[in-house]
């Protein structure tokens, strides 16, 4: 029997196994991360100039020197099995398409994530102006 649990409601995801619970909001940012009963996302203090200084588990990129957060228009449950949960927050309408993936295995003390990005325009010039794509996870403990 697996300890994996997944709930999805209005773009919010709650996924957990026996050791970890991660709650993501509709923007694909973490609202809560509990590891062995301890909340790890309290008192986040990023750089003052960072618009996401109080967030973690987010994906952004720079366009002409300005930070742009992904704007997911879809949430896809790729796998919900006894072995793992795999979800993706997807923005497939912006010029830069982005899929931000989260994977929680049943028997692991880790959450895995990766980002897939693609050009939604017909122009290579527009795609070249995007720099510094990052998935960011910060814990302060």
N, C-alpha and C. Protein backbone atom coordinates (compact mmCIF):
# COMPACT_ATOMS: atom_id res chain seq x y z
N UNK A 1 0.83 -1.18 0.00
CA UNK A 1 0.00 0.00 0.00
C UNK A 1 0.88 1.25 0.00
N UNK A 2 0.54 2.22 -0.82
CA UNK A 2 1.32 3.44 -0.97
C UNK A 2 0.80 4.53 -0.03
N UNK A 3 1.72 5.35 0.47
CA UNK A 3 1.36 6.49 1.30
C UNK A 3 1.14 7.76 0.47
N UNK A 4 1.20 7.65 -0.85
CA UNK A 4 1.04 8.81 -1.71
C UNK A 4 -0.40 9.31 -1.70
N UNK A 5 -0.51 10.66 -1.63
CA UNK A 5 -1.82 11.29 -1.70
C UNK A 5 -1.71 12.51 -2.59
N UNK A 6 -2.71 12.71 -3.45
CA UNK A 6 -2.76 13.86 -4.34
C UNK A 6 -4.16 14.45 -4.30
N UNK A 7 -4.22 15.78 -4.13
CA UNK A 7 -5.49 16.47 -4.31
C UNK A 7 -5.22 17.71 -5.16
N UNK A 8 -6.15 17.97 -6.07
CA UNK A 8 -6.07 19.10 -6.99
C UNK A 8 -7.39 19.85 -6.89
N UNK A 9 -7.29 21.18 -6.65
CA UNK A 9 -8.50 21.99 -6.52
C UNK A 9 -8.21 23.40 -7.00
N UNK A 10 -8.85 23.82 -8.08
CA UNK A 10 -8.70 25.17 -8.62
C UNK A 10 -7.24 25.56 -8.84
N UNK A 11 -6.45 24.65 -9.39
CA UNK A 11 -5.06 24.94 -9.69
C UNK A 11 -4.11 24.70 -8.53
N UNK A 12 -4.66 24.45 -7.35
CA UNK A 12 -3.83 24.14 -6.18
C UNK A 12 -3.58 22.65 -6.12
N UNK A 13 -2.34 22.30 -5.79
CA UNK A 13 -1.94 20.90 -5.68
C UNK A 13 -1.43 20.64 -4.27
N UNK A 14 -1.91 19.56 -3.69
CA UNK A 14 -1.37 19.05 -2.43
C UNK A 14 -0.92 17.63 -2.71
N UNK A 15 0.40 17.39 -2.59
CA UNK A 15 0.93 16.04 -2.80
C UNK A 15 1.75 15.64 -1.59
N UNK A 16 1.64 14.38 -1.22
CA UNK A 16 2.38 13.94 -0.04
C UNK A 16 2.70 12.46 -0.11
N UNK A 17 3.79 12.11 0.59
CA UNK A 17 4.11 10.72 0.87
C UNK A 17 4.27 10.61 2.39
N UNK A 18 4.86 9.56 2.89
CA UNK A 18 4.98 9.37 4.34
C UNK A 18 5.86 10.43 5.00
N UNK A 19 6.74 11.09 4.25
CA UNK A 19 7.71 12.02 4.83
C UNK A 19 7.57 13.48 4.41
N UNK A 20 6.94 13.73 3.28
CA UNK A 20 6.91 15.06 2.68
C UNK A 20 5.49 15.43 2.29
N UNK A 21 5.14 16.69 2.53
CA UNK A 21 3.90 17.24 1.96
C UNK A 21 4.24 18.57 1.30
N UNK A 22 3.88 18.71 0.03
CA UNK A 22 4.11 19.94 -0.72
C UNK A 22 2.76 20.48 -1.18
N UNK A 23 2.54 21.77 -0.93
CA UNK A 23 1.33 22.45 -1.40
C UNK A 23 1.77 23.55 -2.36
N UNK A 24 1.24 23.49 -3.58
CA UNK A 24 1.55 24.48 -4.62
C UNK A 24 0.29 25.27 -4.93
N UNK A 25 0.45 26.58 -5.15
CA UNK A 25 -0.70 27.40 -5.52
C UNK A 25 -0.91 27.38 -7.04
N UNK A 26 -1.91 28.08 -7.51
CA UNK A 26 -2.26 28.06 -8.93
C UNK A 26 -1.18 28.67 -9.82
N UNK A 27 -0.25 29.42 -9.25
CA UNK A 27 0.88 29.99 -10.01
C UNK A 27 2.07 29.03 -10.06
N UNK A 28 1.95 27.87 -9.41
CA UNK A 28 3.06 26.91 -9.38
C UNK A 28 4.12 27.26 -8.36
N UNK A 29 3.77 28.07 -7.38
CA UNK A 29 4.68 28.43 -6.29
C UNK A 29 4.29 27.66 -5.04
N UNK A 30 5.28 27.30 -4.23
CA UNK A 30 5.00 26.54 -3.02
C UNK A 30 4.42 27.44 -1.94
N UNK A 31 3.32 26.99 -1.34
CA UNK A 31 2.75 27.65 -0.17
C UNK A 31 3.17 26.95 1.11
N UNK A 32 3.50 25.66 1.01
CA UNK A 32 3.89 24.90 2.19
C UNK A 32 4.75 23.71 1.78
N UNK A 33 5.75 23.43 2.59
CA UNK A 33 6.57 22.24 2.43
C UNK A 33 6.86 21.69 3.82
N UNK A 34 6.27 20.55 4.12
CA UNK A 34 6.46 19.91 5.43
C UNK A 34 7.31 18.67 5.23
N UNK A 35 8.41 18.61 5.96
CA UNK A 35 9.35 17.48 5.88
C UNK A 35 9.48 16.89 7.28
N UNK A 36 9.11 15.63 7.41
CA UNK A 36 9.13 14.94 8.70
C UNK A 36 8.45 15.78 9.79
N UNK A 37 7.30 16.35 9.43
CA UNK A 37 6.49 17.09 10.40
C UNK A 37 6.88 18.53 10.62
N UNK A 38 7.94 19.02 9.97
CA UNK A 38 8.39 20.40 10.17
C UNK A 38 8.15 21.23 8.92
N UNK A 39 7.48 22.37 9.10
CA UNK A 39 7.27 23.32 8.00
C UNK A 39 8.61 24.00 7.67
N UNK A 40 9.01 23.95 6.41
CA UNK A 40 10.30 24.49 5.99
C UNK A 40 10.22 25.85 5.29
N UNK A 41 9.02 26.35 5.04
CA UNK A 41 8.90 27.57 4.26
C UNK A 41 8.56 28.80 5.10
N UNK A 42 8.78 28.74 6.38
CA UNK A 42 8.56 29.92 7.21
C UNK A 42 9.76 30.85 7.09
N UNK A 43 9.50 32.13 7.15
CA UNK A 43 10.55 33.16 7.22
C UNK A 43 11.50 33.14 6.02
N UNK A 44 10.97 33.00 4.83
CA UNK A 44 11.82 33.08 3.65
C UNK A 44 12.26 34.53 3.45
N UNK A 45 13.54 34.72 3.27
CA UNK A 45 14.08 36.08 3.10
C UNK A 45 15.06 36.05 1.94
N UNK A 46 14.55 36.34 0.75
CA UNK A 46 15.41 36.40 -0.42
C UNK A 46 16.03 37.77 -0.57
N UNK A 47 16.65 37.97 -1.71
CA UNK A 47 17.27 39.27 -2.01
C UNK A 47 16.19 40.35 -2.09
N UNK A 48 16.50 41.54 -1.60
CA UNK A 48 15.52 42.64 -1.56
C UNK A 48 14.98 42.98 -2.94
N UNK A 49 15.81 42.91 -3.95
CA UNK A 49 15.39 43.28 -5.31
C UNK A 49 14.61 42.17 -6.01
N UNK A 50 14.56 40.99 -5.42
CA UNK A 50 13.89 39.85 -6.03
C UNK A 50 12.38 39.94 -5.78
N UNK A 51 11.56 39.99 -6.85
CA UNK A 51 10.11 40.07 -6.65
C UNK A 51 9.54 38.82 -5.97
N UNK A 52 10.30 37.74 -5.96
CA UNK A 52 9.85 36.51 -5.32
C UNK A 52 10.64 36.20 -4.05
N UNK A 53 11.09 37.22 -3.36
CA UNK A 53 11.92 37.04 -2.17
C UNK A 53 11.21 36.23 -1.09
N UNK A 54 9.89 36.26 -1.07
CA UNK A 54 9.11 35.55 -0.06
C UNK A 54 8.54 34.24 -0.60
N UNK A 55 9.00 33.79 -1.76
CA UNK A 55 8.48 32.57 -2.37
C UNK A 55 9.60 31.56 -2.60
N UNK A 56 9.20 30.34 -2.86
CA UNK A 56 10.13 29.30 -3.27
C UNK A 56 9.39 28.32 -4.17
N UNK A 57 10.13 27.45 -4.82
CA UNK A 57 9.56 26.54 -5.81
C UNK A 57 8.79 27.35 -6.85
N UNK A 58 9.49 28.23 -7.54
CA UNK A 58 8.86 29.01 -8.60
C UNK A 58 9.73 28.98 -9.83
N UNK A 59 9.15 29.33 -10.96
CA UNK A 59 9.88 29.35 -12.22
C UNK A 59 9.72 30.73 -12.84
N UNK A 60 10.83 31.34 -13.20
CA UNK A 60 10.78 32.63 -13.86
C UNK A 60 11.87 32.72 -14.91
N UNK A 61 11.83 33.80 -15.67
CA UNK A 61 12.84 34.06 -16.68
C UNK A 61 12.95 35.56 -16.87
N UNK A 62 13.99 35.98 -17.56
CA UNK A 62 14.20 37.41 -17.79
C UNK A 62 13.93 37.74 -19.25
N UNK A 63 13.24 38.83 -19.46
CA UNK A 63 13.01 39.37 -20.79
C UNK A 63 13.48 40.81 -20.77
N UNK A 64 14.52 41.10 -21.55
CA UNK A 64 15.07 42.45 -21.62
C UNK A 64 15.36 43.01 -20.22
N UNK A 65 15.95 42.16 -19.37
CA UNK A 65 16.38 42.58 -18.05
C UNK A 65 15.31 42.57 -16.97
N UNK A 66 14.08 42.19 -17.30
CA UNK A 66 12.99 42.18 -16.31
C UNK A 66 12.57 40.75 -16.01
N UNK A 67 12.28 40.49 -14.74
CA UNK A 67 11.85 39.16 -14.31
C UNK A 67 10.40 38.93 -14.68
N UNK A 68 10.12 37.77 -15.27
CA UNK A 68 8.77 37.37 -15.64
C UNK A 68 8.50 36.01 -15.03
N UNK A 69 7.46 35.91 -14.20
CA UNK A 69 7.05 34.62 -13.68
C UNK A 69 6.22 33.89 -14.72
N UNK A 70 6.30 32.56 -14.71
CA UNK A 70 5.44 31.83 -15.62
C UNK A 70 3.98 32.09 -15.22
N UNK A 71 3.11 32.02 -16.20
CA UNK A 71 1.68 32.23 -15.98
C UNK A 71 0.94 30.98 -16.45
N UNK A 72 0.89 29.96 -15.60
CA UNK A 72 0.29 28.70 -16.03
C UNK A 72 -1.18 28.87 -16.41
N UNK A 73 -1.53 28.30 -17.54
CA UNK A 73 -2.93 28.27 -17.95
C UNK A 73 -3.48 26.84 -17.91
N UNK A 74 -2.61 25.88 -17.57
CA UNK A 74 -3.02 24.48 -17.45
C UNK A 74 -2.28 23.84 -16.29
N UNK A 75 -2.96 22.91 -15.67
CA UNK A 75 -2.33 22.03 -14.68
C UNK A 75 -2.64 20.61 -15.13
N UNK A 76 -1.60 19.82 -15.34
CA UNK A 76 -1.77 18.46 -15.86
C UNK A 76 -1.24 17.47 -14.83
N UNK A 77 -2.06 16.48 -14.50
CA UNK A 77 -1.61 15.35 -13.69
C UNK A 77 -1.09 14.31 -14.67
N UNK A 78 0.21 14.14 -14.69
CA UNK A 78 0.85 13.22 -15.63
C UNK A 78 0.83 11.80 -15.08
N UNK A 79 1.03 11.68 -13.76
CA UNK A 79 0.99 10.35 -13.14
C UNK A 79 0.50 10.49 -11.71
N UNK A 80 -0.41 9.61 -11.35
CA UNK A 80 -0.91 9.49 -9.98
C UNK A 80 -1.03 7.99 -9.71
N UNK A 81 0.09 7.37 -9.34
CA UNK A 81 0.14 5.92 -9.17
C UNK A 81 0.63 5.58 -7.77
N UNK A 82 0.77 4.33 -7.48
CA UNK A 82 1.31 3.91 -6.19
C UNK A 82 2.81 4.16 -6.10
N UNK A 83 3.47 4.42 -7.24
CA UNK A 83 4.92 4.66 -7.28
C UNK A 83 5.32 6.12 -7.21
N UNK A 84 4.50 7.00 -7.82
CA UNK A 84 4.88 8.42 -7.85
C UNK A 84 3.68 9.28 -8.26
N UNK A 85 3.84 10.57 -7.90
CA UNK A 85 2.94 11.62 -8.36
C UNK A 85 3.78 12.54 -9.25
N UNK A 86 3.23 12.93 -10.39
CA UNK A 86 3.92 13.80 -11.33
C UNK A 86 2.89 14.78 -11.88
N UNK A 87 3.10 16.07 -11.61
CA UNK A 87 2.21 17.12 -12.12
C UNK A 87 3.04 18.16 -12.86
N UNK A 88 2.38 18.91 -13.73
CA UNK A 88 3.06 19.98 -14.46
C UNK A 88 2.16 21.20 -14.55
N UNK A 89 2.73 22.36 -14.23
CA UNK A 89 2.09 23.64 -14.46
C UNK A 89 2.57 24.12 -15.82
N UNK A 90 1.64 24.41 -16.72
CA UNK A 90 2.00 24.69 -18.11
C UNK A 90 1.47 26.05 -18.55
N UNK A 91 2.34 26.81 -19.18
CA UNK A 91 1.97 28.05 -19.87
C UNK A 91 2.26 27.79 -21.34
N UNK A 92 1.22 27.52 -22.12
CA UNK A 92 1.43 27.24 -23.54
C UNK A 92 0.85 28.35 -24.43
N UNK A 93 0.61 29.53 -23.84
CA UNK A 93 0.09 30.64 -24.63
C UNK A 93 1.05 31.84 -24.70
N UNK A 94 1.96 31.96 -23.75
CA UNK A 94 2.93 33.06 -23.80
C UNK A 94 3.94 32.82 -24.92
N UNK A 95 4.70 33.87 -25.27
CA UNK A 95 5.71 33.71 -26.31
C UNK A 95 6.70 32.62 -25.97
N UNK A 96 7.09 32.55 -24.69
CA UNK A 96 7.94 31.46 -24.22
C UNK A 96 7.04 30.46 -23.52
N UNK A 97 6.87 29.31 -24.12
CA UNK A 97 6.09 28.25 -23.49
C UNK A 97 6.92 27.58 -22.41
N UNK A 98 6.28 27.27 -21.28
CA UNK A 98 7.00 26.67 -20.16
C UNK A 98 6.13 25.60 -19.51
N UNK A 99 6.75 24.47 -19.20
CA UNK A 99 6.10 23.43 -18.40
C UNK A 99 6.99 23.18 -17.19
N UNK A 100 6.47 23.43 -16.01
CA UNK A 100 7.20 23.29 -14.75
C UNK A 100 6.69 22.02 -14.07
N UNK A 101 7.55 21.01 -14.01
CA UNK A 101 7.17 19.68 -13.54
C UNK A 101 7.59 19.44 -12.09
N UNK A 102 6.76 18.71 -11.34
CA UNK A 102 7.05 18.28 -9.99
C UNK A 102 6.80 16.78 -9.89
N UNK A 103 7.76 16.06 -9.29
CA UNK A 103 7.63 14.61 -9.13
C UNK A 103 7.90 14.27 -7.67
N UNK A 104 6.98 13.51 -7.08
CA UNK A 104 7.13 13.02 -5.72
C UNK A 104 7.05 11.50 -5.73
N UNK A 105 8.18 10.82 -5.52
CA UNK A 105 8.16 9.36 -5.46
C UNK A 105 7.55 8.88 -4.14
N UNK A 106 7.05 7.66 -4.15
CA UNK A 106 6.41 7.10 -2.95
C UNK A 106 7.42 6.89 -1.83
N UNK A 107 8.57 6.39 -2.14
CA UNK A 107 9.53 6.00 -1.11
C UNK A 107 10.83 6.80 -1.25
N UNK A 108 10.73 8.10 -1.10
CA UNK A 108 11.90 8.95 -1.25
C UNK A 108 11.72 10.18 -0.36
N UNK A 109 12.80 10.71 0.14
CA UNK A 109 12.77 11.94 0.93
C UNK A 109 13.09 13.14 0.06
N UNK A 110 12.66 13.13 -1.18
CA UNK A 110 12.98 14.21 -2.10
C UNK A 110 11.80 14.51 -3.02
N UNK A 111 11.78 15.76 -3.48
CA UNK A 111 10.86 16.19 -4.52
C UNK A 111 11.74 16.56 -5.70
N UNK A 112 11.39 16.09 -6.87
CA UNK A 112 12.16 16.37 -8.07
C UNK A 112 11.38 17.34 -8.94
N UNK A 113 12.09 18.24 -9.61
CA UNK A 113 11.43 19.16 -10.54
C UNK A 113 12.33 19.41 -11.73
N UNK A 114 11.70 19.75 -12.83
CA UNK A 114 12.43 20.17 -14.02
C UNK A 114 11.54 21.08 -14.84
N UNK A 115 12.16 21.80 -15.76
CA UNK A 115 11.45 22.76 -16.60
C UNK A 115 11.71 22.42 -18.06
N UNK A 116 10.66 22.47 -18.84
CA UNK A 116 10.76 22.35 -20.30
C UNK A 116 10.26 23.67 -20.87
N UNK A 117 11.04 24.26 -21.78
CA UNK A 117 10.66 25.53 -22.40
C UNK A 117 10.74 25.43 -23.90
N UNK A 118 9.89 26.21 -24.59
CA UNK A 118 9.87 26.18 -26.05
C UNK A 118 9.40 27.54 -26.57
N UNK A 119 9.70 27.80 -27.81
CA UNK A 119 9.36 29.05 -28.47
C UNK A 119 7.96 28.92 -29.09
N UNK A 120 7.05 29.79 -28.69
CA UNK A 120 5.70 29.80 -29.26
C UNK A 120 5.55 30.84 -30.37
N UNK A 121 6.65 31.44 -30.81
CA UNK A 121 6.56 32.45 -31.85
C UNK A 121 7.15 31.91 -33.15
N UNK A 122 6.94 32.62 -34.21
CA UNK A 122 7.51 32.26 -35.51
C UNK A 122 8.88 32.90 -35.71
N UNK A 123 9.27 33.77 -34.78
CA UNK A 123 10.49 34.54 -34.95
C UNK A 123 11.58 34.08 -33.99
N UNK A 124 12.73 33.79 -34.51
CA UNK A 124 13.88 33.43 -33.67
C UNK A 124 14.38 34.65 -32.89
N UNK A 125 14.21 35.84 -33.43
CA UNK A 125 14.69 37.05 -32.75
C UNK A 125 13.98 37.22 -31.42
N UNK A 126 12.68 36.99 -31.38
CA UNK A 126 11.94 37.12 -30.12
C UNK A 126 12.41 36.07 -29.13
N UNK A 127 12.67 34.88 -29.57
CA UNK A 127 13.08 33.81 -28.65
C UNK A 127 14.44 34.11 -28.05
N UNK A 128 15.33 34.75 -28.81
CA UNK A 128 16.68 35.02 -28.33
C UNK A 128 16.66 36.06 -27.21
N UNK A 129 15.64 36.90 -27.12
CA UNK A 129 15.61 37.94 -26.10
C UNK A 129 15.31 37.38 -24.71
N UNK A 130 14.96 36.11 -24.60
CA UNK A 130 14.69 35.48 -23.30
C UNK A 130 15.99 34.93 -22.74
N UNK A 131 16.30 35.32 -21.52
CA UNK A 131 17.51 34.82 -20.88
C UNK A 131 17.18 34.42 -19.45
N UNK A 132 18.05 33.65 -18.87
CA UNK A 132 18.01 33.35 -17.45
C UNK A 132 16.71 32.64 -17.04
N UNK A 133 16.40 31.53 -17.66
CA UNK A 133 15.28 30.70 -17.25
C UNK A 133 15.71 29.93 -16.02
N UNK A 134 14.91 29.97 -14.96
CA UNK A 134 15.31 29.25 -13.75
C UNK A 134 14.10 28.69 -13.03
N UNK A 135 14.29 27.54 -12.45
CA UNK A 135 13.38 26.99 -11.46
C UNK A 135 14.10 27.19 -10.14
N UNK A 136 13.43 27.78 -9.20
CA UNK A 136 14.11 28.20 -7.96
C UNK A 136 13.47 27.55 -6.75
N UNK A 137 14.29 26.90 -5.96
CA UNK A 137 13.85 26.32 -4.70
C UNK A 137 14.78 26.80 -3.60
N UNK A 138 14.23 27.44 -2.58
CA UNK A 138 15.01 27.96 -1.48
C UNK A 138 14.39 27.50 -0.17
N UNK A 139 15.23 27.01 0.74
CA UNK A 139 14.78 26.65 2.08
C UNK A 139 15.66 27.36 3.08
N UNK A 140 15.10 27.84 4.13
CA UNK A 140 15.85 28.55 5.17
C UNK A 140 15.65 27.85 6.51
N UNK A 141 16.54 26.90 6.81
CA UNK A 141 16.50 26.24 8.12
C UNK A 141 17.84 25.74 8.50
